[in-house]
């Protein structure tokens, strides 16, 4: 039986586990981190090593934690690392707002990144909910 999960656009075949690189949340988090890197690398020295370093680390942390949770092969631990990833997502959201307020990124780039972050937020919450549901199914009775 193949299930489709709302907002995540993911069809799950219980007989096949997706690879990390196939997860939408992983792919989108990688895109966001690369986009931010490509912006920050162009900033002046002061901006790059104050806000830029923190912003880049926060954006990178999203996919790092998705990866670490995925690699644990435990629903409970995977969910835990997804929660950490969601915290890094909020940190990234704050960082791009600061970058915009300080005129380091323009309005178009701010809106582009904000939109991608919002989409990832929805997808990450759906992925967490999926993991929670799977953990209830897999629990020994």
Protein backbone atom coordinates (compact mmCIF):
# COMPACT_ATOMS: atom_id res chain seq x y z
CA UNK A 1 0.00 0.00 0.00
CA UNK A 2 1.46 3.37 -1.01
CA UNK A 3 0.55 6.38 1.15
CA UNK A 4 0.74 10.05 0.13
CA UNK A 5 1.44 12.64 2.83
CA UNK A 6 -0.16 16.08 2.53
CA UNK A 7 2.22 19.08 2.19
CA UNK A 8 5.19 16.80 1.81
CA UNK A 9 4.48 15.57 -1.72
CA UNK A 10 5.94 12.23 -0.78
CA UNK A 11 4.62 8.83 -1.71
CA UNK A 12 5.78 6.17 0.70
CA UNK A 13 6.16 2.59 -0.33
CA UNK A 14 6.72 0.70 2.92
CA UNK A 15 8.80 -1.87 1.07
CA UNK A 16 11.41 0.72 0.03
CA UNK A 17 13.19 3.25 2.24
CA UNK A 18 14.15 6.51 0.57
CA UNK A 19 17.79 7.47 0.38
CA UNK A 20 18.80 10.59 2.27
CA UNK A 21 19.44 12.41 -1.02
CA UNK A 22 15.86 11.64 -2.11
CA UNK A 23 14.23 13.39 0.85
CA UNK A 24 12.65 16.70 -0.17
CA UNK A 25 13.58 18.28 3.17
CA UNK A 26 17.22 17.35 2.64
CA UNK A 27 17.34 18.62 -0.94
CA UNK A 28 15.64 21.91 -0.08
CA UNK A 29 17.85 22.48 2.97
CA UNK A 30 20.93 21.95 0.80
CA UNK A 31 19.62 24.47 -1.77
CA UNK A 32 18.99 27.09 0.93
CA UNK A 33 22.46 26.61 2.46
CA UNK A 34 24.17 26.88 -0.94
CA UNK A 35 22.17 29.99 -1.85
CA UNK A 36 23.14 31.65 1.44
CA UNK A 37 26.79 30.65 0.99
CA UNK A 38 26.81 32.22 -2.47
CA UNK A 39 25.50 35.48 -1.00
CA UNK A 40 27.73 35.61 2.09
CA UNK A 41 30.93 34.88 0.18
CA UNK A 42 30.51 38.25 -1.60
CA UNK A 43 30.12 40.32 1.58
CA UNK A 44 32.85 42.55 3.00
CA UNK A 45 35.20 41.19 5.64
CA UNK A 46 33.34 42.57 8.69
CA UNK A 47 29.89 41.43 7.53
CA UNK A 48 31.18 38.04 6.42
CA UNK A 49 32.88 37.23 9.73
CA UNK A 50 30.12 38.51 12.01
CA UNK A 51 26.62 37.88 10.67
CA UNK A 52 27.75 35.86 7.65
CA UNK A 53 29.53 33.17 9.62
CA UNK A 54 26.58 32.64 11.98
CA UNK A 55 24.08 32.66 9.11
CA UNK A 56 26.06 30.16 7.08
CA UNK A 57 26.50 27.84 10.08
CA UNK A 58 22.78 28.01 10.88
CA UNK A 59 21.81 27.24 7.28
CA UNK A 60 24.32 24.38 7.08
CA UNK A 61 23.04 23.00 10.39
CA UNK A 62 19.58 22.36 8.89
CA UNK A 63 20.81 19.67 6.49
CA UNK A 64 23.49 18.41 8.90
CA UNK A 65 20.84 17.58 11.50
CA UNK A 66 18.47 16.04 8.96
CA UNK A 67 21.40 13.82 7.90
CA UNK A 68 22.39 12.89 11.42
CA UNK A 69 18.84 11.99 12.39
CA UNK A 70 18.38 9.95 9.24
CA UNK A 71 21.57 8.04 9.97
CA UNK A 72 20.50 7.05 13.48
CA UNK A 73 17.92 4.51 12.19
CA UNK A 74 15.70 5.25 15.17
CA UNK A 75 12.47 7.19 14.78
CA UNK A 76 12.89 8.80 18.21
CA UNK A 77 16.40 10.04 17.45
CA UNK A 78 15.49 11.07 13.91
CA UNK A 79 12.60 13.17 15.27
CA UNK A 80 14.94 14.72 17.86
CA UNK A 81 17.42 15.81 15.18
CA UNK A 82 14.59 17.13 13.00
CA UNK A 83 13.52 19.34 15.91
CA UNK A 84 17.09 20.66 16.13
CA UNK A 85 17.00 21.21 12.36
CA UNK A 86 13.78 23.20 12.74
CA UNK A 87 15.48 25.39 15.36
CA UNK A 88 18.32 26.04 12.89
CA UNK A 89 15.70 26.90 10.27
CA UNK A 90 14.34 29.64 12.55
CA UNK A 91 17.87 30.86 13.23
CA UNK A 92 18.44 31.06 9.46
CA UNK A 93 15.18 32.97 9.03
CA UNK A 94 16.35 35.51 11.62
CA UNK A 95 19.76 35.75 9.93
CA UNK A 96 18.36 36.58 6.51
CA UNK A 97 16.10 39.21 8.08
CA UNK A 98 19.15 40.79 9.73
CA UNK A 99 21.06 40.61 6.43
CA UNK A 100 18.18 42.36 4.67
CA UNK A 101 17.84 45.02 7.39
CA UNK A 102 21.59 45.70 7.13
CA UNK A 103 21.38 45.98 3.31
CA UNK A 104 23.53 42.88 2.74
CA UNK A 105 20.85 41.22 0.61
CA UNK A 106 18.28 42.98 -1.53
CA UNK A 107 14.49 42.70 -1.28
CA UNK A 108 14.23 40.16 -4.10
CA UNK A 109 16.81 37.82 -2.50
CA UNK A 110 15.19 38.26 0.91
CA UNK A 111 11.79 37.27 -0.50
CA UNK A 112 13.30 34.36 -2.44
CA UNK A 113 15.03 32.94 0.64
CA UNK A 114 12.05 33.63 2.90
CA UNK A 115 9.79 31.73 0.52
CA UNK A 116 12.15 28.73 0.37
CA UNK A 117 12.46 28.75 4.17
CA UNK A 118 8.67 28.81 4.56
CA UNK A 119 8.29 25.89 2.15
CA UNK A 120 10.98 23.95 4.03
CA UNK A 121 9.28 24.73 7.33
CA UNK A 122 6.02 23.19 6.10
CA UNK A 123 7.78 20.17 4.60
CA UNK A 124 9.93 19.62 7.69
CA UNK A 125 6.86 19.69 9.95
CA UNK A 126 5.16 17.19 7.65
CA UNK A 127 8.25 14.98 7.71
CA UNK A 128 8.34 15.13 11.53
CA UNK A 129 4.65 14.19 11.65
CA UNK A 130 5.32 11.30 9.27
CA UNK A 131 8.16 10.06 11.52
CA UNK A 132 5.93 10.34 14.58
CA UNK A 133 3.22 8.28 12.85
CA UNK A 134 5.76 5.68 11.73
CA UNK A 135 7.16 5.43 15.25
CA UNK A 136 3.68 4.60 16.55
CA UNK A 137 3.27 1.88 13.92
CA UNK A 138 6.70 0.37 14.61
CA UNK A 139 6.38 0.28 18.42
CA UNK A 140 6.44 -3.24 19.85
CA UNK A 141 3.16 -4.14 21.51
